[in-house]
Amino acid sequence: MKHLLCLFLLTLSLHAADRAPNIVFILADDLGYTDVACFGSKFYETPNIDKLASQGMKLTRHHHCQNCQPTRAALMSGQYAPRTGVYTVGGIDRFGWESRPLRPVDNAQQLPLEKITIAQTMKQAGYATGMFGKWHLGEKDAYHPGQRGFDEAIVTMGKHFDFKTQPPVEYPKGEYLADFLTDKAVDFIQRHKDAPFFLYLPHFGVHSPHDAKDEITARFKDKPPVGGHHSPVYAAMIASVDESVGRVMATLDELKLADNTVLIFASDNGGVGGYAREGIKKGGDITDNAPLRSGKGSLYEGGTRVPFIVRWPGVTKPGSSSDVPTIHVDLYPTFADIGKATPPANQPLDGESLVPVFRDASASLKRDAIYQHFPGYLGAGQNTWRTTPVGLIEEGDWKLMEFFEDGRLELYNLKDDIGEQKNLAAEQPEKTKELHAKMIAWREAIKAPMPTKNDQQTTAAPKKKGKGKKKKAE
């Protein structure tokens, strides 16, 4: 009998060792690159995120899109925007492009149904899949995440108190959205602790409206501002997201799942700041992405570079960091690689698995460069723009941007000039030519549509954001 018990325990131990790692992906909304302490803030307090970084690896040059919807489409599909048609939020008439030289490329507002999501791929590999929070890729019928590979899915965004969910879920009056979502995430982990799970927790925090719990806001009211970080309410919103990370970490510890769980934290795009420094907005910003240039809605680094942390016990070296350029489309093949899942046969994945980098911070990837393609406009107010149509390539320390209205090229060495202040295109004509050729070749290979000439260009002022329509959350 004793021999059989030992054999049973040995079998359980071997089974646990062979079990595929759980994956938890926590995504903040509009959290800037330096909005967490371990990435530079001296005002915001993020002890749990900082602890995660001390236990894992920071990717210091990870990029997402300039605003949220295209980032989410890329994360779920593993494809750059020209393949999904999702370039921005809303239709092209959201901002008054009629006064500009180019007509934007039409924008898809839902992830096309033919795209196989990472949730579907992980589900086929035997993972339980859950998603709680901001989806933004279509909420009705077949577009809802519950129909796109997630076993459990609750969608919500737009308000931090008195929020609505799809499907409708009851909750205590006065509950804060970040707490509600974390409750659902913790419950999912507890119920699926005995088999591999893939949990996607995309918070609506710290997106506007900037609204936080009073008791947390009070902690920051007398704290001196530091480096463009100053708002007690915004600091409290960040603290609530940080608490969420801490609760997930604690749950994994309590259930003894941490050692076999890959936990990733990131943001969907750059922070809502840096506009005053760019001269595209008067008055103070809610935050600042310095030393990065500009913010959300721009394809300068402040709009696309985001904090990214991965903890994979036994794989990532605690307290390490990597400066390899990485991007949103890398997450799909990375998750599939971790879970030994088979990628879709008829859906090309544009990214590369980051597992080699997770294993060795000094490792390089097979590809030469990462790209962005934005054939539209994002306004910042009347006659001001966060960006006009632009494309970019980042290769090593170099970044080249091509502005489609006039063909202007901007070349930056990000190692020497992280703030993108010195355009080296004239000084480095050969490097400029080389990178531009690669960008054009990539656009042709991926069949990226370009904006067309606006033959009806007017001198009318651009339409105000949301005029005549319900304002959408970005």
Protein backbone atom coordinates (compact mmCIF):
# COMPACT_ATOMS: atom_id res chain seq x y z
CA MET A 1 0.00 0.00 0.00
CA LYS A 2 2.84 2.39 0.90
CA HIS A 3 4.52 1.55 -2.42
CA LEU A 4 1.33 2.41 -4.34
CA LEU A 5 0.98 5.74 -2.51
CA CYS A 6 4.57 6.70 -3.37
CA LEU A 7 3.98 5.75 -6.99
CA PHE A 8 0.80 7.87 -7.06
CA LEU A 9 2.60 10.90 -5.60
CA LEU A 10 5.46 10.47 -8.06
CA THR A 11 2.97 10.33 -10.94
CA LEU A 12 1.32 13.55 -9.72
CA SER A 13 4.71 15.26 -9.45
CA LEU A 14 5.72 14.26 -12.95
CA HIS A 15 2.34 15.36 -14.30
CA ALA A 16 2.73 18.79 -12.66
CA ALA A 17 6.24 19.15 -14.09
CA ASP A 18 4.99 18.32 -17.59
CA ARG A 19 1.98 20.62 -17.40
CA ALA A 20 2.06 23.53 -19.85
CA PRO A 21 2.61 26.91 -18.18
CA ASN A 22 -0.37 29.07 -17.35
CA ILE A 23 -0.35 32.47 -19.04
CA VAL A 24 -1.70 35.68 -17.51
CA PHE A 25 -1.60 38.85 -19.60
CA ILE A 26 -2.55 42.07 -17.79
CA LEU A 27 -2.96 45.08 -20.07
CA ALA A 28 -3.39 48.61 -18.74
CA ASP A 29 -5.07 51.29 -20.86
CA ASP A 30 -3.24 54.56 -21.69
CA LEU A 31 -0.52 53.91 -19.10
CA GLY A 32 2.59 55.78 -20.24
CA TYR A 33 6.12 54.41 -20.49
CA THR A 34 7.31 56.20 -17.35
CA ASP A 35 4.01 55.97 -15.43
CA VAL A 36 5.32 53.16 -13.22
CA ALA A 37 8.16 53.54 -10.75
CA CYS A 38 10.34 50.79 -12.19
CA PHE A 39 10.26 52.60 -15.55
CA GLY A 40 11.08 56.00 -14.09
CA SER A 41 8.25 57.69 -12.20
CA LYS A 42 9.18 59.40 -8.94
CA PHE A 43 5.57 60.38 -8.19
CA TYR A 44 3.31 57.41 -8.97
CA GLU A 45 3.54 54.44 -6.61
CA THR A 46 3.53 50.94 -8.11
CA PRO A 47 5.00 48.53 -5.53
CA ASN A 48 3.42 45.41 -7.02
CA ILE A 49 4.46 46.15 -10.59
CA ASP A 50 7.92 47.01 -9.31
CA LYS A 51 8.04 43.68 -7.46
CA LEU A 52 7.04 41.90 -10.65
CA ALA A 53 9.92 43.61 -12.47
CA SER A 54 12.37 42.60 -9.73
CA GLN A 55 11.24 39.00 -10.13
CA GLY A 56 11.28 39.02 -13.93
CA MET A 57 12.46 40.90 -17.00
CA LYS A 58 11.72 44.36 -18.38
CA LEU A 59 11.57 44.86 -22.15
CA THR A 60 12.66 48.48 -22.46
CA ARG A 61 11.91 48.88 -26.18
CA HIS A 62 8.53 47.23 -26.53
CA HIS A 63 6.02 48.98 -28.80
CA HIS A 64 2.30 48.98 -29.38
CA CYS A 65 0.20 51.13 -31.70
CA GLN A 66 -0.51 54.83 -31.21
CA ASN A 67 -3.96 54.12 -29.77
CA CYS A 68 -5.82 51.17 -28.40
CA GLN A 69 -8.00 49.48 -31.02
CA PRO A 70 -5.22 48.65 -33.51
CA THR A 71 -3.03 47.39 -30.66
CA ARG A 72 -5.76 45.00 -29.55
CA ALA A 73 -6.34 43.82 -33.10
CA ALA A 74 -2.61 43.10 -33.48
CA LEU A 75 -2.42 41.29 -30.14
CA MET A 76 -5.41 39.08 -30.92
CA SER A 77 -4.52 38.35 -34.58
CA GLY A 78 -0.72 38.41 -34.54
CA GLN A 79 -0.87 40.66 -37.60
CA TYR A 80 0.14 44.19 -38.50
CA ALA A 81 -2.68 46.67 -39.20
CA PRO A 82 -2.59 46.39 -43.03
CA ARG A 83 -3.72 42.75 -42.69
CA THR A 84 -6.61 43.46 -40.29
CA GLY A 85 -7.66 46.88 -41.59
CA VAL A 86 -7.75 48.20 -38.00
CA TYR A 87 -5.57 51.33 -37.91
CA THR A 88 -7.25 53.53 -35.30
CA VAL A 89 -10.45 54.06 -33.30
CA GLY A 90 -13.69 54.76 -35.15
CA GLY A 91 -14.30 55.78 -38.75
CA ILE A 92 -12.18 58.17 -40.77
CA ASP A 93 -14.66 61.02 -40.23
CA ARG A 94 -13.92 61.10 -36.53
CA PHE A 95 -11.44 63.88 -37.29
CA GLY A 96 -11.80 66.45 -40.04
CA TRP A 97 -9.36 65.18 -42.65
CA GLU A 98 -11.19 67.20 -45.33
CA SER A 99 -8.85 70.13 -44.67
CA ARG A 100 -5.75 67.97 -45.17
CA PRO A 101 -3.95 66.95 -48.40
CA LEU A 102 -4.77 63.24 -48.09
CA ARG A 103 -7.83 61.05 -47.72
CA PRO A 104 -7.26 58.41 -45.03
CA VAL A 105 -7.55 54.70 -45.69
CA ASP A 106 -10.91 53.42 -44.45
CA ASN A 107 -10.72 51.88 -40.98
CA ALA A 108 -12.22 48.57 -39.86
CA GLN A 109 -13.93 48.99 -36.50
CA GLN A 110 -14.20 45.29 -35.62
CA LEU A 111 -11.69 42.48 -35.91
CA PRO A 112 -12.64 40.59 -39.09
CA LEU A 113 -14.31 37.29 -38.28
CA GLU A 114 -11.96 35.29 -40.47
CA LYS A 115 -9.09 36.11 -38.14
CA ILE A 116 -8.23 33.28 -35.75
CA THR A 117 -7.54 34.84 -32.36
CA ILE A 118 -4.81 33.83 -29.94
CA ALA A 119 -7.60 32.67 -27.62
CA GLN A 120 -8.83 30.21 -30.25
CA THR A 121 -5.29 28.95 -30.75
CA MET A 122 -4.70 28.49 -27.02
CA LYS A 123 -8.09 26.83 -26.58
CA GLN A 124 -7.23 24.28 -29.25
CA ALA A 125 -4.04 23.55 -27.30
CA GLY A 126 -6.09 22.58 -24.26
CA TYR A 127 -6.08 25.87 -22.35
CA ALA A 128 -9.05 27.23 -20.43
CA THR A 129 -9.45 30.80 -21.70
CA GLY A 130 -10.84 33.86 -19.94
CA MET A 131 -11.06 37.57 -20.75
CA PHE A 132 -12.38 40.32 -18.46
CA GLY A 133 -12.28 44.00 -19.43
CA LYS A 134 -11.84 46.15 -22.50
CA TRP A 135 -12.14 44.28 -25.79
CA HIS A 136 -12.87 47.05 -28.33
CA LEU A 137 -12.93 44.72 -31.34
CA GLY A 138 -16.68 44.26 -31.60
CA GLU A 139 -19.04 43.51 -28.71
CA LYS A 140 -22.12 42.12 -30.43
CA ASP A 141 -22.95 38.63 -31.64
CA ALA A 142 -20.08 36.83 -33.38
CA TYR A 143 -17.60 39.64 -32.64
CA HIS A 144 -17.89 39.26 -28.87
CA PRO A 145 -14.80 37.63 -27.30
CA GLY A 146 -17.05 34.88 -25.93
CA GLN A 147 -17.53 33.84 -29.56
CA ARG A 148 -13.85 34.22 -30.47
CA GLY A 149 -12.09 31.63 -28.38
CA PHE A 150 -12.67 32.79 -24.82
CA ASP A 151 -14.56 30.29 -22.67
CA GLU A 152 -15.52 33.13 -20.36
CA ALA A 153 -15.69 36.79 -21.37
CA ILE A 154 -17.06 39.95 -19.77
CA VAL A 155 -16.63 43.15 -21.77
CA THR A 156 -16.75 46.60 -20.23
CA MET A 157 -15.24 50.04 -20.74
CA GLY A 158 -16.22 53.70 -20.73
CA LYS A 159 -16.74 54.36 -17.00
CA HIS A 160 -14.91 53.47 -13.79
CA PHE A 161 -18.04 53.65 -11.62
CA ASP A 162 -21.60 52.67 -12.56
CA PHE A 163 -20.25 50.79 -15.57
CA LYS A 164 -22.14 48.47 -17.87
CA THR A 165 -21.00 45.03 -18.91
CA GLN A 166 -21.66 42.78 -21.87
CA PRO A 167 -23.18 40.36 -20.99
CA PRO A 168 -24.88 42.18 -18.09
CA VAL A 169 -23.43 41.28 -14.69
CA GLU A 170 -24.67 42.50 -11.32
CA TYR A 171 -22.20 44.07 -8.90
CA PRO A 172 -22.36 46.09 -5.66
CA LYS A 173 -23.27 49.75 -6.06
CA GLY A 174 -20.20 51.98 -5.96
CA GLU A 175 -17.76 49.24 -6.95
CA TYR A 176 -14.69 50.41 -8.85
CA LEU A 177 -14.19 48.82 -12.27
CA ALA A 178 -10.57 47.76 -11.72
CA ASP A 179 -11.64 45.92 -8.56
CA PHE A 180 -14.56 44.25 -10.33
CA LEU A 181 -12.32 42.99 -13.14
CA THR A 182 -9.72 41.73 -10.69
CA ASP A 183 -12.41 39.83 -8.76
CA LYS A 184 -13.39 38.08 -11.97
CA ALA A 185 -9.77 37.32 -12.85
CA VAL A 186 -8.99 35.90 -9.40
CA ASP A 187 -12.13 33.78 -9.49
CA PHE A 188 -11.16 32.44 -12.92
CA ILE A 189 -7.71 31.45 -11.66
CA GLN A 190 -9.15 29.72 -8.60
CA ARG A 191 -11.63 27.71 -10.65
CA HIS A 192 -9.05 26.66 -13.27
CA LYS A 193 -6.06 26.01 -11.03
CA ASP A 194 -5.88 22.32 -11.93
CA ALA A 195 -5.38 22.72 -15.68
CA PRO A 196 -3.51 25.17 -17.95
CA PHE A 197 -5.27 28.51 -18.37
CA PHE A 198 -4.85 31.59 -20.54
CA LEU A 199 -6.14 34.71 -18.79
CA TYR A 200 -6.38 38.08 -20.53
CA LEU A 201 -7.08 40.97 -18.14
CA PRO A 202 -7.34 44.21 -20.16
CA HIS A 203 -8.13 46.99 -17.69
CA PHE A 204 -9.94 50.19 -18.67
CA GLY A 205 -7.71 52.02 -16.17
CA VAL A 206 -6.05 54.48 -16.55
CA HIS A 207 -8.14 55.72 -19.48
CA SER A 208 -10.29 58.86 -19.15
CA PRO A 209 -12.63 59.79 -17.59
CA HIS A 210 -10.03 60.22 -14.89
CA ASP A 211 -11.90 58.93 -11.88
CA ALA A 212 -10.51 57.14 -8.84
CA LYS A 213 -11.43 55.97 -5.36
CA ASP A 214 -11.40 58.87 -2.89
CA GLU A 215 -9.41 57.07 -0.22
CA ILE A 216 -6.55 56.37 -2.63
CA THR A 217 -6.64 59.85 -4.17
CA ALA A 218 -6.20 61.32 -0.70
CA ARG A 219 -2.82 59.60 -0.36
CA PHE A 220 -1.39 61.71 -3.17
CA LYS A 221 -2.96 65.12 -2.51
CA ASP A 222 0.02 66.53 -0.64
CA LYS A 223 2.73 64.78 -2.62
CA PRO A 224 5.00 67.19 -4.58
CA PRO A 225 4.84 66.77 -8.40
CA VAL A 226 7.86 65.28 -10.12
CA GLY A 227 8.72 65.51 -13.82
CA GLY A 228 5.26 66.12 -15.23
CA HIS A 229 3.67 63.55 -12.91
CA HIS A 230 1.35 65.48 -10.62
CA SER A 231 -2.30 64.41 -10.60
CA PRO A 232 -3.54 62.75 -7.37
CA VAL A 233 -6.51 61.25 -9.23
CA TYR A 234 -4.37 59.81 -12.00
CA ALA A 235 -1.91 58.48 -9.41
CA ALA A 236 -4.81 56.79 -7.62
CA MET A 237 -5.98 55.18 -10.86
CA ILE A 238 -2.49 53.79 -11.40
CA ALA A 239 -2.48 52.55 -7.80
CA SER A 240 -5.71 50.62 -8.44
CA VAL A 241 -4.19 48.91 -11.46
CA ASP A 242 -1.11 48.16 -9.36
CA GLU A 243 -3.34 46.65 -6.65
CA SER A 244 -4.86 44.42 -9.33
CA VAL A 245 -1.43 43.16 -10.32
CA GLY A 246 -0.67 42.49 -6.67
CA ARG A 247 -3.89 40.56 -6.11
CA VAL A 248 -3.22 38.35 -9.14
CA MET A 249 0.33 37.70 -7.94
CA ALA A 250 -0.92 36.85 -4.45
CA THR A 251 -3.52 34.45 -5.85
CA LEU A 252 -0.91 32.63 -7.89
CA ASP A 253 1.27 32.37 -4.78
CA GLU A 254 -1.56 31.09 -2.56
CA LEU A 255 -2.49 28.40 -5.08
CA LYS A 256 1.19 27.51 -5.63
CA LEU A 257 0.83 28.34 -9.33
CA ALA A 258 3.38 31.14 -9.59
CA ASP A 259 6.29 28.87 -10.50
CA ASN A 260 4.41 27.53 -13.51
CA THR A 261 2.78 30.75 -14.69
CA VAL A 262 4.03 33.28 -17.23
CA LEU A 263 2.79 36.67 -16.04
CA ILE A 264 3.04 39.66 -18.37
CA PHE A 265 2.15 43.28 -17.68
CA ALA A 266 2.03 46.01 -20.35
CA SER A 267 0.03 49.00 -21.61
CA ASP A 268 -1.91 49.31 -24.87
CA ASN A 269 -0.27 52.56 -26.04
CA GLY A 270 1.63 55.59 -24.76
CA GLY A 271 0.41 57.89 -22.04
CA VAL A 272 -1.87 60.89 -22.56
CA GLY A 273 0.85 63.49 -22.21
CA GLY A 274 3.73 65.25 -23.89
CA TYR A 275 1.35 67.36 -25.99
CA ALA A 276 2.23 70.67 -24.34
CA ARG A 277 5.91 70.04 -25.07
CA GLU A 278 5.00 69.38 -28.71
CA GLY A 279 3.00 72.60 -28.93
CA ILE A 280 -0.17 70.79 -29.97
CA LYS A 281 -2.06 71.48 -26.77
CA LYS A 282 -2.30 74.39 -24.37
CA GLY A 283 -2.40 73.83 -20.65
CA GLY A 284 -1.22 70.94 -18.55
CA ASP A 285 -1.27 67.26 -19.48
CA ILE A 286 -2.54 64.59 -17.12
CA THR A 287 0.89 62.92 -17.29
CA ASP A 288 4.15 63.09 -19.22
CA ASN A 289 6.14 60.45 -21.09
CA ALA A 290 9.48 62.27 -20.83
CA PRO A 291 12.17 61.57 -21.83
CA LEU A 292 10.12 60.16 -24.71
CA ARG A 293 8.62 62.53 -27.26
CA SER A 294 4.87 63.22 -27.47
CA GLY A 295 2.18 60.74 -26.37
CA LYS A 296 -0.84 58.68 -27.27
CA GLY A 297 -1.93 59.26 -30.85
CA SER A 298 1.60 59.97 -32.05
CA LEU A 299 4.09 57.57 -33.60
CA TYR A 300 6.99 59.20 -31.84
CA GLU A 301 8.22 56.98 -29.01
CA GLY A 302 5.96 58.57 -26.39
CA GLY A 303 2.94 57.31 -28.30
CA THR A 304 4.07 53.76 -28.98
CA ARG A 305 6.73 52.66 -26.48
CA VAL A 306 5.11 51.06 -23.43
CA PRO A 307 6.21 49.45 -20.18
CA PHE A 308 6.48 45.67 -20.57
CA ILE A 309 7.37 43.17 -17.85
CA VAL A 310 7.45 39.37 -18.00
CA ARG A 311 7.95 36.99 -15.09
CA TRP A 312 8.53 33.34 -15.93
CA PRO A 313 10.15 31.62 -12.94
CA GLY A 314 13.09 29.46 -13.94
CA VAL A 315 13.24 31.12 -17.37
CA THR A 316 13.48 34.90 -17.00
CA LYS A 317 16.35 36.15 -14.86
CA PRO A 318 15.07 38.19 -11.89
CA GLY A 319 15.75 41.91 -12.25
CA SER A 320 16.95 41.62 -15.85
CA SER A 321 16.14 43.80 -18.85
CA SER A 322 16.39 43.59 -22.62
CA ASP A 323 16.66 46.44 -25.13
CA VAL A 324 15.77 44.31 -28.17
CA PRO A 325 13.08 46.14 -30.22
CA THR A 326 9.81 44.20 -29.82
CA ILE A 327 6.23 44.88 -30.86
CA HIS A 328 2.59 43.84 -30.42
CA VAL A 329 2.57 41.17 -33.15
CA ASP A 330 5.20 39.22 -31.19
CA LEU A 331 2.79 38.27 -28.42
CA TYR A 332 0.69 35.81 -30.46
CA PRO A 333 3.64 33.60 -31.52
CA THR A 334 5.13 33.99 -28.04
CA PHE A 335 2.02 32.67 -26.30
CA ALA A 336 1.69 29.87 -28.83
CA ASP A 337 5.34 28.95 -28.28
CA ILE A 338 4.95 28.89 -24.49
CA GLY A 339 1.82 26.75 -24.70
CA LYS A 340 3.10 24.46 -27.46
CA ALA A 341 0.07 25.55 -29.49
CA THR A 342 -0.14 25.17 -33.24
CA PRO A 343 -0.41 28.55 -35.05
CA PRO A 344 -3.18 28.87 -37.65
CA ALA A 345 -2.14 27.41 -40.99
CA ASN A 346 -3.75 30.05 -43.22
CA GLN A 347 -3.10 33.17 -41.14
CA PRO A 348 0.42 34.53 -41.46
CA LEU A 349 1.84 35.80 -38.17
CA ASP A 350 3.95 38.92 -38.56
CA GLY A 351 5.79 38.68 -35.26
CA GLU A 352 8.41 36.43 -33.74
CA SER A 353 8.36 34.44 -30.50
CA LEU A 354 10.08 36.30 -27.69
CA VAL A 355 10.86 33.13 -25.75
CA PRO A 356 14.58 33.27 -26.73
CA VAL A 357 14.76 36.79 -25.26
CA PHE A 358 12.89 35.69 -22.13
CA ARG A 359 15.52 32.98 -21.67
CA ASP A 360 18.48 35.26 -22.37
CA ALA A 361 18.24 39.06 -22.20
CA SER A 362 21.23 39.37 -24.52
CA ALA A 363 19.66 37.20 -27.23
CA SER A 364 18.74 38.70 -30.59
CA LEU A 365 15.79 37.88 -32.83
CA LYS A 366 15.87 36.60 -36.40
CA ARG A 367 14.23 39.64 -37.96
CA ASP A 368 15.98 42.89 -38.81
CA ALA A 369 13.31 45.42 -37.94
CA ILE A 370 9.84 46.27 -36.64
CA TYR A 371 7.33 48.46 -38.48
CA GLN A 372 4.27 50.67 -38.03
CA HIS A 373 1.87 51.89 -40.71
CA PHE A 374 -0.69 54.59 -39.99
CA PRO A 375 -2.51 55.93 -43.09
CA GLY A 376 -4.81 58.31 -41.21
CA TYR A 377 -5.16 61.33 -38.95
CA LEU A 378 -5.51 61.76 -35.21
CA GLY A 379 -6.52 65.23 -34.06
CA ALA A 380 -5.67 67.01 -30.83
CA GLY A 381 -8.08 69.93 -31.09
CA GLN A 382 -9.02 72.48 -33.71
CA ASN A 383 -6.34 72.62 -36.43
CA THR A 384 -3.88 70.57 -34.36
CA TRP A 385 -2.83 66.98 -34.91
CA ARG A 386 -1.24 64.29 -32.81
CA THR A 387 -0.22 62.67 -36.06
CA THR A 388 -0.76 62.89 -39.78
CA PRO A 389 -0.33 59.81 -42.03
CA VAL A 390 3.04 58.21 -41.33
CA GLY A 391 5.00 54.99 -41.49
CA LEU A 392 8.10 53.93 -39.61
CA ILE A 393 10.82 51.33 -39.31
CA GLU A 394 12.99 50.63 -36.27
CA GLU A 395 16.16 48.65 -36.83
CA GLY A 396 18.72 48.41 -34.06
CA ASP A 397 19.30 51.90 -32.69
CA TRP A 398 17.81 53.58 -35.76
CA LYS A 399 14.30 54.80 -36.41
CA LEU A 400 13.09 56.25 -39.71
CA MET A 401 9.71 57.94 -40.12
CA GLU A 402 8.09 58.84 -43.46
CA PHE A 403 5.29 61.42 -43.34
CA PHE A 404 3.01 60.72 -46.28
CA GLU A 405 1.59 64.22 -46.80
CA ASP A 406 4.87 65.67 -48.06
CA GLY A 407 7.27 62.71 -48.10
CA ARG A 408 9.32 64.17 -45.23
CA LEU A 409 11.80 61.75 -43.70
CA GLU A 410 12.98 61.87 -40.11
CA LEU A 411 15.87 59.71 -38.91
CA TYR A 412 16.75 59.27 -35.24
CA ASN A 413 19.37 57.33 -33.34
CA LEU A 414 17.36 56.22 -30.32
CA LYS A 415 20.41 55.15 -28.35
CA ASP A 416 21.89 58.66 -28.47
CA ASP A 417 18.62 60.58 -28.76
CA ILE A 418 15.78 58.82 -26.99
CA GLY A 419 13.73 62.02 -27.15
CA GLU A 420 13.89 62.18 -30.98
CA GLN A 421 15.10 65.77 -31.04
CA LYS A 422 17.76 65.62 -33.76
CA ASN A 423 16.67 64.59 -37.24
CA LEU A 424 19.71 62.96 -38.86
CA ALA A 425 18.18 62.34 -42.29
CA ALA A 426 20.34 65.00 -43.99
CA GLU A 427 23.49 64.00 -42.12
CA GLN A 428 23.04 60.27 -42.74
CA PRO A 429 21.76 60.02 -46.34
CA GLU A 430 22.94 56.42 -46.85
CA LYS A 431 21.29 55.12 -43.68
CA THR A 432 18.15 57.07 -44.54
CA LYS A 433 18.06 55.57 -48.03
CA GLU A 434 18.70 52.07 -46.73
CA LEU A 435 15.93 52.15 -44.13
CA HIS A 436 13.48 53.86 -46.47
CA ALA A 437 14.00 51.13 -49.06
CA LYS A 438 13.32 48.46 -46.43
CA MET A 439 10.16 50.24 -45.32
CA ILE A 440 8.86 50.47 -48.88
CA ALA A 441 9.68 46.79 -49.47
CA TRP A 442 7.78 45.85 -46.31
CA ARG A 443 4.74 47.90 -47.36
CA GLU A 444 4.72 46.20 -50.73
CA ALA A 445 5.13 42.73 -49.22
CA ILE A 446 2.29 43.22 -46.75
CA LYS A 447 0.14 45.09 -49.32
CA ALA A 448 -0.24 48.11 -47.06
CA PRO A 449 -2.76 50.59 -48.53
CA MET A 450 -1.69 54.21 -48.75
CA PRO A 451 -3.82 57.31 -48.25
CA THR A 452 -4.86 58.97 -51.49
CA LYS A 453 -4.83 62.56 -52.65
CA ASN A 454 -7.68 64.65 -51.32
CA ASP A 455 -8.95 66.37 -54.46
CA GLN A 456 -11.69 68.09 -52.47
CA GLN A 457 -9.37 69.66 -49.91
CA THR A 458 -11.04 72.55 -48.10
CA THR A 459 -9.85 75.30 -45.80
CA ALA A 460 -12.55 74.47 -43.27
CA ALA A 461 -11.47 73.84 -39.72
CA PRO A 462 -11.41 70.18 -38.70
CA LYS A 463 -14.49 68.83 -37.00
CA LYS A 464 -14.36 68.69 -33.26
CA LYS A 465 -13.89 65.25 -31.74
CA GLY A 466 -17.19 63.52 -31.15
CA LYS A 467 -19.29 66.36 -32.61
CA GLY A 468 -22.82 65.12 -33.06
CA LYS A 469 -21.88 61.66 -31.87
CA LYS A 470 -21.45 59.87 -28.61
CA LYS A 471 -17.81 60.09 -27.62
CA LYS A 472 -16.05 56.76 -27.89
CA ALA A 473 -13.43 55.49 -25.50
CA GLU A 474 -10.08 55.05 -27.18
